Amino acid sequence: MDVTEWLLDSDPSIRWQVMRDLLDAPPGEVAAERARIATEGWGAKLLALQSDDGYWGGDEYGIDGARTSVTWTLHLLRRLGIEPDAPQTRSAIARIRDGVVWREWGDLPYFHGEVEECVNGGVLALAAYFGELGGGSDRIIPRLLQEQLDDGGWNCEPREESDRSSFDSTLCVLEGLLAYEQAVPGAPPEIAASRRRGEEYLLERGLFRRRSTGEIVLPRYANLIFPPYWVYDVLRSLDYFRTAHERPDPRIADAIDLVVSQGGGDGRWPAGSPWRGEVHFAVDAPEGEPSRWNTVRALRVLRWYEGR
């Protein structure tokens, strides 16, 4: 079985992305495959785990690394590519809209976010993807723009504790701002300007290096995991830049080399070391074994980088 056949021998959430991003399949065929996510495989299993009150795991965010909550289930559904307008999806989102609140933050409605930049960036991305922009995004965006640090990025730590940006927080915010811009034609220009400053923060550091010494900031940035948590890794960052820009910036070359260096001789990429904490069920291979998610993401990033 060659790599493409192996990738296609999988869940609909992987197959439709392979068809779209690697095979240039006709849009109708891609859409038909994508539509299956809500009714079979991982997507349907996740939807079936939602409680009548709108929650997954009884929690809006999750503690001790748990990813069985509303937030991380929605992020996984988004990364699987579930159709936002599928009836099953709309029912799940309506239950969240009507029943889920941030209980530690004055019972704010879920899509209004809370106070941390990394969380709010993620909620903004979810609201844009699932069609829940409005009062919540109107609250989140001014906060994010105001919270941007002088070096161009963001940090969930209070300013009195750190005035330096975090790769983790910055990428979470960038994903949210980009999703908003893509969902809202004619979005205010200050949003794009803020996002470009945040991108510069990462690009000036080659997506994983210290600007002062050139050393890797944290070894875990080279740990390629799916689904991503709040933690940063180079492949997640490259996939963001692929989505945001038609042409790659030359400053990502070292990050590309890092990803290439992790590929196997058979054209597959191994799964990284998973983050601690409870999950609903595994959607990727065990650590060190060939990972369809890392492979499809790496191949589409390389295809974009090489201009194909």
Protein backbone atom coordinates (compact mmCIF):
# COMPACT_ATOMS: atom_id res chain seq x y z
CA MET A 1 0.00 0.00 0.00
CA ASP A 2 1.53 3.34 -1.02
CA VAL A 3 1.25 6.45 1.15
CA THR A 4 -1.80 7.86 -0.62
CA GLU A 5 -3.70 4.57 -0.41
CA TRP A 6 -2.75 4.31 3.26
CA LEU A 7 -4.02 7.82 3.96
CA LEU A 8 -7.30 7.12 2.18
CA ASP A 9 -7.78 3.88 4.11
CA SER A 10 -9.00 5.86 7.11
CA ASP A 11 -11.73 8.01 8.66
CA PRO A 12 -13.72 10.42 6.45
CA SER A 13 -12.11 13.33 8.30
CA ILE A 14 -8.71 12.33 6.91
CA ARG A 15 -9.94 11.20 3.51
CA TRP A 16 -11.59 14.48 2.56
CA GLN A 17 -8.47 16.47 3.47
CA VAL A 18 -6.28 14.13 1.43
CA MET A 19 -8.66 14.53 -1.50
CA ARG A 20 -8.70 18.32 -1.21
CA ASP A 21 -5.11 19.10 -0.25
CA LEU A 22 -3.06 16.38 -1.94
CA LEU A 23 -5.12 14.99 -4.81
CA ASP A 24 -7.01 18.07 -6.06
CA ALA A 25 -10.17 15.97 -6.31
CA PRO A 26 -13.29 17.58 -7.81
CA PRO A 27 -15.04 19.82 -5.25
CA GLY A 28 -18.22 17.76 -5.37
CA GLU A 29 -16.37 14.58 -4.45
CA VAL A 30 -14.53 16.36 -1.64
CA ALA A 31 -17.79 17.78 -0.27
CA ALA A 32 -19.50 14.39 -0.39
CA GLU A 33 -16.69 12.79 1.60
CA ARG A 34 -16.64 15.65 4.09
CA ALA A 35 -20.38 15.34 4.64
CA ARG A 36 -19.84 11.84 6.04
CA ILE A 37 -18.00 13.16 9.13
CA ALA A 38 -21.24 14.12 10.89
CA THR A 39 -22.82 10.71 10.39
CA GLU A 40 -19.99 8.18 10.70
CA GLY A 41 -16.56 7.72 12.17
CA TRP A 42 -14.91 9.98 14.72
CA GLY A 43 -17.12 13.00 14.07
CA ALA A 44 -20.35 11.12 14.66
CA LYS A 45 -18.89 9.47 17.79
CA LEU A 46 -17.96 12.86 19.25
CA LEU A 47 -21.39 14.33 18.56
CA ALA A 48 -23.04 11.33 20.24
CA LEU A 49 -21.07 11.98 23.44
CA GLN A 50 -22.60 15.42 24.02
CA SER A 51 -25.00 15.71 26.96
CA ASP A 52 -28.47 17.20 26.62
CA ASP A 53 -27.29 20.29 28.53
CA GLY A 54 -24.75 21.02 25.78
CA TYR A 55 -21.64 19.90 27.66
CA TRP A 56 -19.03 17.31 26.91
CA GLY A 57 -17.34 15.91 29.98
CA GLY A 58 -19.34 18.19 32.26
CA ASP A 59 -16.85 21.01 31.73
CA GLU A 60 -16.45 24.00 29.45
CA TYR A 61 -12.62 23.79 29.35
CA GLY A 62 -11.13 20.92 31.37
CA ILE A 63 -8.47 20.65 34.04
CA ASP A 64 -5.25 18.62 34.40
CA GLY A 65 -4.93 18.34 30.64
CA ALA A 66 -8.35 16.75 30.12
CA ARG A 67 -9.62 17.23 26.57
CA THR A 68 -13.09 15.77 27.05
CA SER A 69 -14.66 19.21 27.55
CA VAL A 70 -16.72 21.47 25.30
CA THR A 71 -13.69 23.49 24.19
CA TRP A 72 -11.43 20.65 23.13
CA THR A 73 -14.20 18.56 21.62
CA LEU A 74 -15.19 21.50 19.43
CA HIS A 75 -11.56 22.09 18.46
CA LEU A 76 -11.26 18.46 17.43
CA LEU A 77 -14.48 18.62 15.42
CA ARG A 78 -13.16 21.75 13.70
CA ARG A 79 -9.86 20.10 12.84
CA LEU A 80 -11.67 17.02 11.59
CA GLY A 81 -13.50 19.41 9.26
CA ILE A 82 -17.06 18.57 10.25
CA GLU A 83 -19.57 20.51 8.17
CA PRO A 84 -20.71 23.48 10.29
CA ASP A 85 -24.11 23.49 8.59
CA ALA A 86 -24.83 19.77 8.91
CA PRO A 87 -28.08 19.25 10.89
CA GLN A 88 -26.25 17.19 13.50
CA THR A 89 -23.67 19.94 13.95
CA ARG A 90 -26.28 22.68 14.20
CA SER A 91 -28.12 20.76 16.92
CA ALA A 92 -24.92 20.36 18.93
CA ILE A 93 -24.02 24.04 18.59
CA ALA A 94 -27.54 25.12 19.59
CA ARG A 95 -27.23 23.12 22.81
CA ILE A 96 -23.93 24.86 23.55
CA ARG A 97 -25.33 28.29 22.77
CA ASP A 98 -28.33 27.69 24.99
CA GLY A 99 -26.73 25.82 27.88
CA VAL A 100 -22.96 26.20 28.22
CA VAL A 101 -21.45 29.06 30.23
CA TRP A 102 -18.08 29.95 31.73
CA ARG A 103 -18.95 29.16 35.31
CA GLU A 104 -15.74 30.65 36.74
CA TRP A 105 -16.23 33.88 34.81
CA GLY A 106 -19.67 35.15 35.79
CA ASP A 107 -21.59 32.64 33.68
CA LEU A 108 -20.62 34.33 30.43
CA PRO A 109 -22.17 32.50 27.44
CA TYR A 110 -19.70 30.07 25.95
CA PHE A 111 -19.05 31.89 22.67
CA HIS A 112 -18.33 35.12 24.58
CA GLY A 113 -15.08 33.62 25.89
CA GLU A 114 -13.39 34.28 29.23
CA VAL A 115 -10.19 36.20 30.10
CA GLU A 116 -7.10 34.33 28.87
CA GLU A 117 -5.80 35.19 25.42
CA CYS A 118 -5.07 31.60 24.42
CA VAL A 119 -8.57 30.49 25.40
CA ASN A 120 -10.27 33.47 23.77
CA GLY A 121 -8.29 33.04 20.57
CA GLY A 122 -9.53 29.47 20.43
CA VAL A 123 -13.13 30.42 21.20
CA LEU A 124 -12.99 33.04 18.44
CA ALA A 125 -11.79 30.40 15.98
CA LEU A 126 -14.63 28.10 17.06
CA ALA A 127 -17.25 30.85 16.83
CA ALA A 128 -16.09 31.75 13.33
CA TYR A 129 -16.04 28.14 12.17
CA PHE A 130 -19.42 27.19 13.62
CA GLY A 131 -21.21 30.41 12.64
CA GLU A 132 -21.60 31.86 16.14
CA LEU A 133 -20.05 35.30 15.68
CA GLY A 134 -21.80 38.35 17.10
CA GLY A 135 -21.89 39.61 20.65
CA GLY A 136 -19.25 37.16 21.75
CA SER A 137 -16.71 38.02 19.07
CA ASP A 138 -17.48 41.70 19.60
CA ARG A 139 -16.29 41.19 23.18
CA ILE A 140 -13.27 39.02 22.38
CA ILE A 141 -11.64 40.94 19.54
CA PRO A 142 -11.10 44.29 21.33
CA ARG A 143 -9.61 42.38 24.27
CA LEU A 144 -7.16 40.53 22.04
CA LEU A 145 -6.09 43.66 20.20
CA GLN A 146 -5.53 45.48 23.48
CA GLU A 147 -3.65 42.55 25.01
CA GLN A 148 -1.08 42.30 22.21
CA LEU A 149 2.39 42.85 23.67
CA ASP A 150 5.08 45.21 22.43
CA ASP A 151 7.04 42.38 20.80
CA GLY A 152 4.01 41.54 18.64
CA GLY A 153 2.71 38.39 20.29
CA TRP A 154 0.51 37.41 23.22
CA ASN A 155 0.95 35.69 26.56
CA CYS A 156 -1.75 34.28 28.83
CA GLU A 157 0.38 35.18 31.83
CA PRO A 158 -0.52 38.58 33.38
CA ARG A 159 1.65 41.48 32.22
CA GLU A 160 2.97 42.00 35.72
CA GLU A 161 4.38 38.45 35.54
CA SER A 162 5.68 38.52 31.96
CA ASP A 163 5.95 41.18 29.27
CA ARG A 164 7.30 38.68 26.72
CA SER A 165 5.11 36.79 24.33
CA SER A 166 4.53 33.05 24.30
CA PHE A 167 4.64 30.95 21.13
CA ASP A 168 1.71 28.94 22.51
CA SER A 169 -0.58 31.91 23.21
CA THR A 170 0.44 33.75 20.04
CA LEU A 171 -0.51 30.90 17.72
CA CYS A 172 -3.84 30.38 19.52
CA VAL A 173 -4.70 34.05 18.96
CA LEU A 174 -3.49 34.07 15.36
CA GLU A 175 -5.71 31.10 14.52
CA GLY A 176 -8.70 32.94 15.99
CA LEU A 177 -8.04 36.22 14.20
CA LEU A 178 -7.50 34.45 10.88
CA ALA A 179 -10.71 32.44 11.25
CA TYR A 180 -12.61 35.66 11.96
CA GLU A 181 -11.16 37.43 8.93
CA GLN A 182 -12.02 34.49 6.69
CA ALA A 183 -15.60 34.42 8.00
CA VAL A 184 -16.23 38.17 7.89
CA PRO A 185 -15.56 39.88 4.55
CA GLY A 186 -14.45 43.45 5.12
CA ALA A 187 -13.31 42.82 8.70
CA PRO A 188 -11.78 45.93 10.30
CA PRO A 189 -8.21 46.44 9.01
CA GLU A 190 -6.77 46.67 12.51
CA ILE A 191 -7.48 42.95 12.92
CA ALA A 192 -5.28 42.06 9.94
CA ALA A 193 -2.62 44.49 11.13
CA SER A 194 -2.58 42.88 14.56
CA ARG A 195 -2.39 39.42 13.03
CA ARG A 196 0.55 40.44 10.83
CA ARG A 197 2.42 41.72 13.89
CA GLY A 198 1.80 38.41 15.61
CA GLU A 199 3.04 36.51 12.57
CA GLU A 200 6.19 38.63 12.56
CA TYR A 201 6.85 37.63 16.15
CA LEU A 202 6.98 33.98 15.03
CA LEU A 203 8.74 34.58 11.71
CA GLU A 204 11.51 36.64 13.29
CA ARG A 205 12.26 33.55 15.33
CA GLY A 206 12.05 31.07 12.46
CA LEU A 207 8.90 29.59 14.07
CA PHE A 208 10.87 27.83 16.80
CA ARG A 209 14.12 29.57 17.70
CA ARG A 210 15.24 32.14 20.26
CA ARG A 211 15.97 35.39 18.48
CA SER A 212 18.94 36.04 20.80
CA THR A 213 20.79 32.74 20.35
CA GLY A 214 19.11 30.83 17.52
CA GLU A 215 18.53 27.85 19.80
CA ILE A 216 15.21 26.04 19.88
CA VAL A 217 13.00 27.71 22.48
CA LEU A 218 11.54 24.50 23.91
CA PRO A 219 12.18 20.91 22.76
CA ARG A 220 8.43 20.24 22.69
CA TYR A 221 8.08 22.61 19.71
CA ALA A 222 9.53 19.75 17.66
CA ASN A 223 6.98 17.28 19.06
CA LEU A 224 4.34 17.00 16.33
CA ILE A 225 1.01 16.01 17.88
CA PHE A 226 -2.56 15.66 16.70
CA PRO A 227 -4.96 16.90 17.74
CA PRO A 228 -3.14 20.02 18.92
CA TYR A 229 -3.82 21.21 22.45
CA TRP A 230 -2.97 24.76 23.56
CA VAL A 231 0.69 23.82 23.17
CA TYR A 232 2.72 25.01 20.19
CA ASP A 233 4.50 22.84 17.68
CA VAL A 234 6.20 23.61 14.40
CA LEU A 235 3.86 21.62 12.15
CA ARG A 236 0.77 23.27 13.61
CA SER A 237 2.42 26.66 13.02
CA LEU A 238 3.36 25.82 9.43
CA ASP A 239 -0.16 24.63 8.73
CA TYR A 240 -1.43 27.98 10.01
CA PHE A 241 0.88 29.90 7.65
CA ARG A 242 -0.18 27.63 4.77
CA THR A 243 -3.80 28.57 5.46
CA ALA A 244 -3.04 32.27 5.88
CA HIS A 245 -0.72 32.92 2.94
CA GLU A 246 -0.61 31.93 -0.69
CA ARG A 247 3.19 32.18 -0.76
CA PRO A 248 5.52 31.02 2.02
CA ASP A 249 7.85 33.44 3.77
CA PRO A 250 11.52 32.48 3.28
CA ARG A 251 12.04 32.62 7.04
CA ILE A 252 10.16 29.34 7.53
CA ALA A 253 12.89 27.33 5.76
CA ASP A 254 14.43 25.97 8.96
CA ALA A 255 11.00 24.96 10.27
CA ILE A 256 10.36 23.11 7.00
CA ASP A 257 13.71 21.33 7.36
CA LEU A 258 12.82 20.32 10.91
CA VAL A 259 9.55 18.74 9.75
CA VAL A 260 11.26 17.02 6.82
CA SER A 261 13.89 15.60 9.16
CA GLN A 262 11.20 13.83 11.17
CA GLY A 263 9.71 12.03 8.17
CA GLY A 264 10.38 8.36 7.65
CA GLY A 265 12.07 6.89 4.63
CA ASP A 266 8.73 5.47 3.48
CA GLY A 267 7.09 8.90 3.15
CA ARG A 268 5.19 8.69 6.43
CA TRP A 269 5.63 10.79 9.57
CA PRO A 270 5.48 9.22 13.04
CA ALA A 271 3.07 10.28 15.78
CA GLY A 272 4.55 12.52 18.46
CA SER A 273 4.47 12.07 22.20
CA PRO A 274 0.85 12.76 23.26
CA TRP A 275 0.08 15.42 25.82
CA ARG A 276 -0.98 14.21 29.24
CA GLY A 277 -4.67 14.11 30.17
CA GLU A 278 -7.89 12.29 29.38
CA VAL A 279 -9.31 12.18 25.86
CA HIS A 280 -12.58 10.77 24.51
CA PHE A 281 -10.71 8.27 22.33
CA ALA A 282 -7.54 8.21 20.23
CA VAL A 283 -7.71 9.68 16.73
CA ASP A 284 -4.02 9.21 15.97
CA ALA A 285 -1.50 6.40 16.10
CA PRO A 286 0.49 5.57 19.23
CA GLU A 287 3.74 7.50 19.74
CA GLY A 288 6.39 6.61 17.19
CA GLU A 289 4.07 4.71 14.86
CA PRO A 290 3.11 6.07 11.42
CA SER A 291 0.61 8.91 11.85
CA ARG A 292 -1.89 9.68 9.12
CA TRP A 293 -2.55 13.10 10.64
CA ASN A 294 1.09 14.13 10.77
CA THR A 295 1.63 12.72 7.29
CA VAL A 296 -1.23 14.53 5.58
CA ARG A 297 -0.40 17.78 7.36
CA ALA A 298 3.31 17.55 6.55
CA LEU A 299 2.67 16.65 2.91
CA ARG A 300 0.27 19.53 2.35
CA VAL A 301 2.66 21.99 4.01
CA LEU A 302 5.50 20.75 1.80
CA ARG A 303 3.30 20.96 -1.28
CA TRP A 304 2.49 24.60 -0.45
CA TYR A 305 6.13 25.39 0.33
CA GLU A 306 7.33 23.89 -2.94
CA GLY A 307 4.66 25.77 -4.88
CA ARG A 308 2.78 22.83 -6.29
